[in-house]
Amino acid sequence: MRQHELLVIDGLAKLLEAHSIQCKIFADDVKIYITVLNANCTSKLQAALNLISAWADDWQLSISISKCSILNIGSKAISVSYHIRGNILPHVKSCRDLGVMLTSELSPSVHISEINVNGHQRANAILRCLETRDRDLLVRAFVTYVRTLMEYNSVVWSHDLKRDIEAIEKVQRRFTKKDRYTGETILWPKTEIGKLAQP
């Protein structure tokens, strides 16, 4: 991002800070948040949305309203409607933030379920597309295309449930047991399976 673009987005952060509004900004993604204790808190959140809208107008920038949503964190449901330029923002139970699925319960299970599906698809694609029995090559392909997907931002969604851990490990187990040509179960030497878990 060029210097003048950094100055523009920094101006938004300072504007929100001046109104005591908490925000997180990464590139052109902006998240604002507040602990809702009473009606004044919800009004403050709407005021923040109005500030962002006015700031975008001043800089002749568009807002991707279709990508905006409200995520309530916690067990207490909040039925207040928020809007940007007259467009009501949907209340969602989960949303994607920087590649990680977040839920109102802050549970990683939804994200883990999604990466497991994608992990199995990539692992199967490797076995279908690479016409080789070279296990070193297959290991490198798995580490490059599957493990990076499975481990992306894992410090954010770190799993603690046994079912989630088993689901993640199942991707590797299935990959190491399937023969590319016959589809039959095979056993890899422990030393080769260990390569999949090496950093």
Protein backbone atom coordinates (compact mmCIF):
# COMPACT_ATOMS: atom_id res chain seq x y z
CA MET A 1 0.00 0.00 0.00
CA ARG A 2 1.37 3.41 -0.94
CA GLN A 3 2.11 6.09 1.65
CA HIS A 4 -0.90 8.30 0.93
CA GLU A 5 -3.22 5.28 1.30
CA LEU A 6 -1.67 4.56 4.69
CA LEU A 7 -2.29 8.13 5.74
CA VAL A 8 -5.93 7.91 4.66
CA ILE A 9 -6.72 4.76 6.65
CA ASP A 10 -4.74 6.09 9.63
CA GLY A 11 -7.01 9.12 9.58
CA LEU A 12 -10.05 6.87 10.04
CA ALA A 13 -8.43 5.12 13.00
CA LYS A 14 -7.70 8.47 14.66
CA LEU A 15 -11.24 9.70 13.95
CA LEU A 16 -12.79 6.67 15.63
CA GLU A 17 -10.34 6.89 18.53
CA ALA A 18 -11.28 10.55 19.07
CA HIS A 19 -14.89 9.39 19.58
CA SER A 20 -13.80 6.61 21.99
CA ILE A 21 -14.72 3.88 19.51
CA GLN A 22 -12.64 0.72 19.50
CA CYS A 23 -11.58 -0.55 16.11
CA LYS A 24 -9.22 -2.95 14.39
CA ILE A 25 -7.92 -2.17 10.92
CA PHE A 26 -6.03 -4.41 8.52
CA ALA A 27 -5.44 -3.10 4.98
CA ASP A 28 -8.93 -1.99 3.91
CA ASP A 29 -10.82 -4.14 6.45
CA VAL A 30 -12.29 -2.26 9.41
CA LYS A 31 -13.87 -3.85 12.48
CA ILE A 32 -15.55 -1.78 15.18
CA TYR A 33 -16.70 -3.28 18.44
CA ILE A 34 -18.23 -2.33 21.76
CA THR A 35 -19.45 -4.02 24.94
CA VAL A 36 -23.21 -3.48 24.95
CA LEU A 37 -24.41 -2.63 28.43
CA ASN A 38 -27.37 -0.37 27.64
CA ALA A 39 -29.11 1.57 24.87
CA ASN A 40 -26.37 4.22 24.87
CA CYS A 41 -23.87 1.60 23.75
CA THR A 42 -25.96 0.61 20.74
CA SER A 43 -26.38 4.28 19.82
CA LYS A 44 -22.61 4.70 20.03
CA LEU A 45 -22.09 1.81 17.63
CA GLN A 46 -24.51 3.31 15.12
CA ALA A 47 -22.74 6.66 15.49
CA ALA A 48 -19.48 4.91 14.61
CA LEU A 49 -21.05 3.53 11.42
CA ASN A 50 -22.25 7.02 10.54
CA LEU A 51 -18.74 8.37 11.10
CA ILE A 52 -17.24 5.75 8.78
CA SER A 53 -19.84 6.51 6.12
CA ALA A 54 -19.17 10.26 6.32
CA TRP A 55 -15.40 9.69 6.28
CA ALA A 56 -15.71 7.52 3.15
CA ASP A 57 -17.80 10.22 1.45
CA ASP A 58 -15.18 12.86 2.28
CA TRP A 59 -12.47 10.73 0.67
CA GLN A 60 -14.73 9.64 -2.21
CA LEU A 61 -14.36 5.99 -1.21
CA SER A 62 -17.00 3.30 -1.58
CA ILE A 63 -18.06 0.95 1.21
CA SER A 64 -18.73 -2.69 0.36
CA ILE A 65 -22.00 -2.78 2.27
CA SER A 66 -22.74 -6.31 1.03
CA LYS A 67 -19.66 -7.48 2.97
CA CYS A 68 -20.71 -5.76 6.21
CA SER A 69 -22.51 -7.61 8.99
CA ILE A 70 -23.15 -7.62 12.72
CA LEU A 71 -21.78 -10.48 14.85
CA ASN A 72 -22.94 -10.65 18.47
CA ILE A 73 -20.37 -12.29 20.73
CA GLY A 74 -21.96 -13.97 23.74
CA SER A 75 -25.15 -15.77 24.69
CA LYS A 76 -27.39 -12.70 25.01
CA ALA A 77 -29.18 -11.88 21.77
CA ILE A 78 -29.32 -8.23 20.74
CA SER A 79 -32.15 -7.28 18.38
CA VAL A 80 -31.04 -3.72 17.58
CA SER A 81 -30.81 -2.90 13.87
CA TYR A 82 -27.78 -1.09 12.50
CA HIS A 83 -27.50 0.52 9.09
CA ILE A 84 -25.08 2.16 6.67
CA ARG A 85 -26.55 4.69 4.25
CA GLY A 86 -30.03 3.32 4.87
CA ASN A 87 -28.98 -0.31 4.28
CA ILE A 88 -29.80 -2.56 7.23
CA LEU A 89 -26.82 -4.74 8.17
CA PRO A 90 -27.64 -8.43 8.69
CA HIS A 91 -27.06 -10.10 12.05
CA VAL A 92 -25.04 -13.27 11.44
CA LYS A 93 -24.03 -16.24 13.58
CA SER A 94 -20.67 -16.56 11.83
CA CYS A 95 -18.48 -14.55 9.50
CA ARG A 96 -15.07 -14.75 7.88
CA ASP A 97 -12.34 -12.47 9.20
CA LEU A 98 -8.93 -12.59 7.51
CA GLY A 99 -9.53 -16.16 6.38
CA VAL A 100 -10.84 -17.48 9.72
CA MET A 101 -14.48 -18.27 10.42
CA LEU A 102 -15.65 -16.58 13.63
CA THR A 103 -18.86 -17.49 15.46
CA SER A 104 -20.93 -15.83 18.16
CA GLU A 105 -19.73 -18.53 20.59
CA LEU A 106 -16.08 -18.06 19.51
CA SER A 107 -15.95 -21.78 18.81
CA PRO A 108 -13.41 -22.95 16.20
CA SER A 109 -15.59 -25.91 15.15
CA VAL A 110 -17.16 -24.15 12.14
CA HIS A 111 -13.74 -23.09 10.85
CA ILE A 112 -12.27 -26.56 11.44
CA SER A 113 -15.17 -28.19 9.61
CA GLU A 114 -14.60 -25.92 6.62
CA ILE A 115 -10.84 -26.44 6.38
CA ASN A 116 -11.32 -30.19 6.78
CA VAL A 117 -13.55 -30.28 3.68
CA ASN A 118 -11.04 -28.20 1.72
CA GLY A 119 -8.13 -30.26 3.08
CA HIS A 120 -9.69 -33.55 1.95
CA GLN A 121 -10.43 -32.06 -1.48
CA ARG A 122 -6.84 -30.88 -1.94
CA ALA A 123 -5.38 -34.16 -0.68
CA ASN A 124 -7.58 -36.15 -3.06
CA ALA A 125 -6.64 -33.81 -5.92
CA ILE A 126 -2.95 -34.49 -5.25
CA LEU A 127 -3.51 -38.25 -5.39
CA ARG A 128 -5.55 -37.94 -8.59
CA CYS A 129 -3.34 -35.48 -10.46
CA LEU A 130 0.18 -36.60 -9.60
CA GLU A 131 0.85 -39.78 -11.53
CA THR A 132 3.68 -40.91 -9.31
CA ARG A 133 4.44 -43.31 -6.50
CA ASP A 134 7.35 -41.20 -5.29
CA ARG A 135 6.43 -40.75 -1.65
CA ASP A 136 8.89 -37.91 -1.13
CA LEU A 137 7.11 -35.96 -3.87
CA LEU A 138 3.71 -36.76 -2.40
CA VAL A 139 4.86 -35.64 1.04
CA ARG A 140 6.14 -32.35 -0.36
CA ALA A 141 2.86 -31.80 -2.21
CA PHE A 142 0.85 -32.51 0.94
CA VAL A 143 2.96 -30.16 3.07
CA THR A 144 2.79 -27.41 0.43
CA TYR A 145 -0.87 -27.54 -0.55
CA VAL A 146 -2.70 -29.18 2.36
CA ARG A 147 -0.80 -28.55 5.56
CA THR A 148 -0.49 -24.82 4.89
CA LEU A 149 -4.27 -24.66 4.53
CA MET A 150 -4.89 -26.68 7.70
CA GLU A 151 -2.45 -24.64 9.80
CA TYR A 152 -3.31 -21.15 8.54
CA ASN A 153 -3.82 -18.80 11.52
CA SER A 154 -4.04 -21.79 13.89
CA VAL A 155 -2.96 -19.59 16.81
CA VAL A 156 -6.32 -17.83 16.42
CA TRP A 157 -8.60 -20.87 16.22
CA SER A 158 -6.51 -23.33 18.26
CA HIS A 159 -8.65 -26.41 18.85
CA ASP A 160 -9.33 -27.98 22.25
CA LEU A 161 -12.14 -30.45 21.57
CA LYS A 162 -11.25 -34.08 20.92
CA ARG A 163 -13.61 -34.32 17.95
CA ASP A 164 -11.97 -31.30 16.29
CA ILE A 165 -8.48 -32.69 16.83
CA GLU A 166 -9.50 -36.06 15.38
CA ALA A 167 -11.16 -34.39 12.39
CA ILE A 168 -7.98 -32.46 11.56
CA GLU A 169 -5.77 -35.53 11.95
CA LYS A 170 -8.10 -37.57 9.74
CA VAL A 171 -7.05 -35.56 6.68
CA GLN A 172 -3.43 -36.73 7.06
CA ARG A 173 -4.38 -40.30 7.99
CA ARG A 174 -6.53 -40.73 4.87
CA PHE A 175 -3.84 -39.28 2.64
CA THR A 176 -1.15 -41.63 3.95
CA LYS A 177 -3.32 -44.72 3.65
CA LYS A 178 -4.69 -44.41 0.12
CA ASP A 179 -2.85 -45.78 -2.90
CA ARG A 180 -3.07 -43.44 -5.88
CA TYR A 181 -3.52 -46.23 -8.44
CA THR A 182 -5.59 -48.88 -6.71
CA GLY A 183 -7.40 -46.85 -4.04
CA GLU A 184 -6.38 -49.56 -1.58
CA THR A 185 -5.18 -48.89 1.94
CA ILE A 186 -1.40 -48.81 2.28
CA LEU A 187 0.95 -48.41 5.19
CA TRP A 188 3.69 -45.79 5.01
CA PRO A 189 6.86 -46.14 7.07
CA LYS A 190 6.64 -44.08 10.28
CA THR A 191 9.62 -42.00 9.17
CA GLU A 192 7.73 -40.84 6.08
CA ILE A 193 4.53 -40.08 7.95
CA GLY A 194 6.60 -38.07 10.38
CA LYS A 195 7.70 -35.77 7.55
CA LEU A 196 4.12 -34.54 7.23
CA ALA A 197 4.20 -33.19 10.78
CA GLN A 198 7.62 -31.56 10.57
CA PRO A 199 7.69 -27.74 10.52
